[in-house]
């Protein structure tokens, strides 16, 4: 590999990681703030009486796929949310929030809005979400593979511990977490069966600044998701 190609590769990979990290960090910053009551999401202050925002069109299979535990890592269940295409559940302790979100990007709204422009916009947004998630996971996977094949570049970037954590399902689908020494881990993002997007978010992400720490923080939460509900 020429020096120019090596430098270009490193810059491209670093930029890819940075773009993904910035996008996911914006989402994660929102997780630590107070959430609008319009979204039905939890507030960041300690509140351990679980609340629910379950729409009439709640997608029951998404809701059933979420972890059902009332306590995870000492954090207590704080909120459950479900609509036609998305379900999430959050746990909270001392201001730290852990959230699991599952979306069906092929789900269609029903009722009065189904045939309206709002319904069409919702479907397009869902499709865009899947495309972005799949691309993000693929970038992390390809970056990891490329760096493993280029030891000199990998060493310059800090070594194998800073490679993305990649988990492959039995179906061949992938989950991925990008890591950064300074900023910690990104959200875990996975795509499943060409329609589902799974995210695991942690507001204490800064602590997990290598792939072993990220795996220990995110994989047990991911394993609590019941993928059989999504068959």
Protein backbone atom coordinates (compact mmCIF):
# COMPACT_ATOMS: atom_id res chain seq x y z
CA UNK A 1 0.00 0.00 0.00
CA UNK A 2 1.39 3.44 -0.92
CA UNK A 3 1.71 6.14 1.70
CA UNK A 4 -0.97 8.22 -0.03
CA UNK A 5 -3.38 5.30 -0.07
CA UNK A 6 -2.63 4.55 3.58
CA UNK A 7 -3.26 8.14 4.66
CA UNK A 8 -6.42 8.35 2.54
CA UNK A 9 -7.71 5.09 4.02
CA UNK A 10 -7.06 6.26 7.57
CA UNK A 11 -8.72 9.62 6.91
CA UNK A 12 -11.75 8.00 5.30
CA UNK A 13 -12.20 5.54 8.15
CA UNK A 14 -11.74 8.24 10.78
CA UNK A 15 -14.27 10.46 8.99
CA UNK A 16 -16.75 7.60 8.79
CA UNK A 17 -16.37 6.92 12.50
CA UNK A 18 -16.70 10.63 13.23
CA UNK A 19 -19.88 11.07 11.20
CA UNK A 20 -21.49 8.06 12.81
CA UNK A 21 -20.34 9.12 16.24
CA UNK A 22 -21.65 12.67 15.86
CA UNK A 23 -25.04 11.47 14.66
CA UNK A 24 -25.37 8.95 17.45
CA UNK A 25 -24.01 11.34 20.06
CA UNK A 26 -26.72 13.86 19.16
CA UNK A 27 -29.30 11.16 19.79
CA UNK A 28 -27.57 10.14 23.00
CA UNK A 29 -27.41 13.73 24.28
CA UNK A 30 -31.16 13.90 23.86
CA UNK A 31 -31.45 10.78 26.00
CA UNK A 32 -29.91 12.55 28.98
CA UNK A 33 -32.16 15.62 28.73
CA UNK A 34 -35.78 16.01 29.70
CA UNK A 35 -38.01 14.55 27.03
CA UNK A 36 -41.05 16.31 25.66
CA UNK A 37 -44.33 14.99 26.97
CA UNK A 38 -45.46 14.93 23.34
CA UNK A 39 -43.04 12.10 22.57
CA UNK A 40 -44.01 9.97 25.52
CA UNK A 41 -40.34 9.45 26.39
CA UNK A 42 -38.89 9.52 29.94
CA UNK A 43 -37.47 12.50 31.78
CA UNK A 44 -33.89 12.34 33.00
CA UNK A 45 -34.60 13.00 36.66
CA UNK A 46 -35.03 10.01 38.92
CA UNK A 47 -38.58 8.71 38.71
CA UNK A 48 -39.07 5.07 39.46
CA UNK A 49 -42.80 4.73 39.00
CA UNK A 50 -43.04 3.17 35.53
CA UNK A 51 -45.13 5.07 33.01
CA UNK A 52 -46.54 3.97 29.67
CA UNK A 53 -47.40 5.64 26.38
CA UNK A 54 -49.16 2.91 24.43
CA UNK A 55 -50.94 4.05 21.27
CA UNK A 56 -54.14 2.36 20.13
CA UNK A 57 -52.14 1.21 17.08
CA UNK A 58 -49.32 -0.25 19.20
CA UNK A 59 -47.45 -2.98 17.32
CA UNK A 60 -47.77 -5.84 19.80
CA UNK A 61 -44.94 -7.94 18.38
CA UNK A 62 -42.52 -5.06 18.83
CA UNK A 63 -43.70 -4.52 22.38
CA UNK A 64 -43.33 -8.23 23.18
CA UNK A 65 -39.80 -8.27 21.78
CA UNK A 66 -38.57 -5.74 24.34
CA UNK A 67 -36.88 -6.85 27.57
CA UNK A 68 -39.57 -7.33 30.19
CA UNK A 69 -37.36 -6.96 33.27
CA UNK A 70 -38.44 -4.36 35.79
CA UNK A 71 -34.81 -3.85 36.78
CA UNK A 72 -31.59 -3.99 34.73
CA UNK A 73 -28.13 -3.37 36.21
CA UNK A 74 -29.83 -1.85 39.24
CA UNK A 75 -31.78 0.58 37.04
CA UNK A 76 -35.54 0.45 37.44
CA UNK A 77 -38.05 0.42 34.62
CA UNK A 78 -39.13 4.00 33.99
CA UNK A 79 -41.06 4.07 30.75
CA UNK A 80 -42.58 1.98 27.95
CA UNK A 81 -43.58 3.43 24.59
CA UNK A 82 -45.30 1.82 21.59
CA UNK A 83 -46.90 2.94 18.34
CA UNK A 84 -47.58 1.27 14.99
CA UNK A 85 -43.94 1.05 13.96
CA UNK A 86 -41.80 1.43 17.06
CA UNK A 87 -41.57 0.27 20.65
CA UNK A 88 -39.10 1.20 23.36
CA UNK A 89 -38.48 0.61 27.02
CA UNK A 90 -36.20 2.59 29.35
CA UNK A 91 -34.63 1.95 32.74
CA UNK A 92 -33.15 4.61 34.99
CA UNK A 93 -30.88 4.93 38.01
CA UNK A 94 -29.26 8.07 39.40
CA UNK A 95 -29.75 9.94 36.15
CA UNK A 96 -28.31 7.14 34.00
CA UNK A 97 -30.76 5.91 31.38
CA UNK A 98 -30.62 2.68 29.41
CA UNK A 99 -33.08 2.33 26.54
CA UNK A 100 -33.91 -0.44 24.07
CA UNK A 101 -35.77 0.45 20.90
CA UNK A 102 -37.14 -1.84 18.18
CA UNK A 103 -38.67 -0.48 14.97
CA UNK A 104 -40.49 -2.23 12.13
CA UNK A 105 -39.63 -0.11 9.10
CA UNK A 106 -42.22 -1.87 6.94
CA UNK A 107 -45.11 -1.32 9.34
CA UNK A 108 -47.92 0.80 7.97
CA UNK A 109 -50.06 3.22 9.94
CA UNK A 110 -53.74 2.40 10.02
CA UNK A 111 -56.90 4.31 10.78
CA UNK A 112 -57.64 7.82 9.60
CA UNK A 113 -54.05 8.87 8.85
CA UNK A 114 -53.15 5.82 6.75
CA UNK A 115 -54.25 7.34 3.42
CA UNK A 116 -53.14 10.89 4.22
CA UNK A 117 -49.89 12.68 3.44
CA UNK A 118 -48.90 12.17 7.06
CA UNK A 119 -49.26 8.42 6.63
CA UNK A 120 -47.17 8.49 3.46
CA UNK A 121 -44.52 10.57 5.20
CA UNK A 122 -44.42 8.10 8.08
CA UNK A 123 -43.78 5.20 5.69
CA UNK A 124 -41.00 7.10 3.90
CA UNK A 125 -39.40 8.02 7.20
CA UNK A 126 -39.42 4.39 8.31
CA UNK A 127 -37.78 3.26 5.05
CA UNK A 128 -35.13 5.96 5.40
CA UNK A 129 -34.41 4.86 8.96
CA UNK A 130 -33.69 1.30 7.83
CA UNK A 131 -31.43 2.45 5.01
CA UNK A 132 -29.40 4.70 7.28
CA UNK A 133 -29.08 2.02 9.97
CA UNK A 134 -27.99 -0.64 7.48
CA UNK A 135 -25.44 1.70 5.95
CA UNK A 136 -24.08 2.65 9.37
CA UNK A 137 -23.65 -0.99 10.41
CA UNK A 138 -22.03 -1.85 7.09
CA UNK A 139 -19.55 1.04 7.35
CA UNK A 140 -18.46 -0.15 10.78
CA UNK A 141 -18.13 -3.75 9.58
CA UNK A 142 -16.12 -2.79 6.49
CA UNK A 143 -13.94 -0.42 8.50
CA UNK A 144 -13.14 -3.18 10.97
CA UNK A 145 -12.29 -5.64 8.18
CA UNK A 146 -10.13 -3.10 6.36
CA UNK A 147 -8.18 -2.12 9.45
CA UNK A 148 -7.54 -5.74 10.42
CA UNK A 149 -5.94 -6.16 6.98
CA UNK A 150 -3.74 -3.08 7.48
CA UNK A 151 -1.81 -3.53 10.77
CA UNK A 152 0.23 -0.34 10.35
CA UNK A 153 -2.87 1.82 10.01
CA UNK A 154 -4.58 -0.04 12.85
CA UNK A 155 -1.59 0.56 15.12
CA UNK A 156 -1.60 4.27 14.27
CA UNK A 157 -5.27 4.47 15.25
CA UNK A 158 -4.68 2.86 18.63
CA UNK A 159 -4.85 -0.89 18.03
CA UNK A 160 -7.53 -3.57 17.93
CA UNK A 161 -9.22 -2.44 21.12
CA UNK A 162 -10.61 0.58 19.23
CA UNK A 163 -12.11 -1.41 16.40
CA UNK A 164 -15.91 -1.44 16.26
CA UNK A 165 -17.62 -4.24 18.15
CA UNK A 166 -19.49 -6.39 15.61
CA UNK A 167 -21.97 -9.12 16.51
CA UNK A 168 -23.37 -11.47 13.86
CA UNK A 169 -26.76 -13.14 14.31
CA UNK A 170 -27.39 -16.71 13.19
CA UNK A 171 -29.33 -15.15 10.29
CA UNK A 172 -26.22 -13.30 9.09
CA UNK A 173 -27.60 -9.94 10.22
CA UNK A 174 -25.26 -7.66 12.13
CA UNK A 175 -25.20 -5.47 15.23
CA UNK A 176 -22.44 -2.91 15.62
CA UNK A 177 -21.05 -0.45 18.15
CA UNK A 178 -18.43 2.12 17.23
CA UNK A 179 -15.94 3.08 19.96
CA UNK A 180 -13.62 5.99 20.55
CA UNK A 181 -11.00 6.41 23.25
CA UNK A 182 -12.03 9.98 24.01
CA UNK A 183 -15.81 9.82 23.61
CA UNK A 184 -16.68 6.24 24.52
CA UNK A 185 -19.14 4.02 22.70
CA UNK A 186 -21.85 4.91 20.24
CA UNK A 187 -25.30 3.34 20.41
CA UNK A 188 -25.59 -0.30 19.44
CA UNK A 189 -27.39 -0.44 16.10
CA UNK A 190 -28.62 -3.58 14.36
CA UNK A 191 -30.72 -4.38 11.34
CA UNK A 192 -32.69 -7.62 11.20
CA UNK A 193 -34.48 -9.43 8.40
CA UNK A 194 -34.39 -6.44 6.05
CA UNK A 195 -37.07 -4.59 8.02
CA UNK A 196 -36.28 -4.21 11.72
CA UNK A 197 -33.94 -1.67 13.30
CA UNK A 198 -32.76 -2.32 16.84
CA UNK A 199 -31.01 0.24 19.01
CA UNK A 200 -29.58 0.04 22.51
CA UNK A 201 -28.71 3.40 24.03
CA UNK A 202 -26.83 4.28 27.22
CA UNK A 203 -26.48 7.77 28.66
CA UNK A 204 -23.23 6.65 30.39
CA UNK A 205 -21.64 5.75 27.03
CA UNK A 206 -18.43 7.69 27.74
CA UNK A 207 -17.26 4.96 30.12
CA UNK A 208 -17.12 2.32 27.40
CA UNK A 209 -14.17 3.55 25.36
CA UNK A 210 -12.93 0.32 23.82
CA UNK A 211 -14.64 -2.62 22.16
CA UNK A 212 -14.32 -4.99 25.12
CA UNK A 213 -16.01 -2.50 27.43
CA UNK A 214 -18.63 -1.79 24.77
CA UNK A 215 -19.37 -5.48 24.33
CA UNK A 216 -19.74 -5.93 28.09
CA UNK A 217 -22.07 -2.92 28.30
CA UNK A 218 -24.29 -3.55 25.28
CA UNK A 219 -24.31 -7.25 24.44
CA UNK A 220 -26.16 -8.40 27.62
CA UNK A 221 -28.87 -5.81 26.94
CA UNK A 222 -29.16 -6.86 23.32
CA UNK A 223 -29.46 -10.51 24.38
CA UNK A 224 -32.58 -9.64 26.40
CA UNK A 225 -34.46 -8.78 23.20
CA UNK A 226 -36.77 -11.60 22.09
CA UNK A 227 -36.00 -11.85 18.37
CA UNK A 228 -38.46 -14.72 17.98
CA UNK A 229 -41.24 -12.13 18.26
CA UNK A 230 -39.90 -10.59 15.05
CA UNK A 231 -40.07 -13.76 12.94
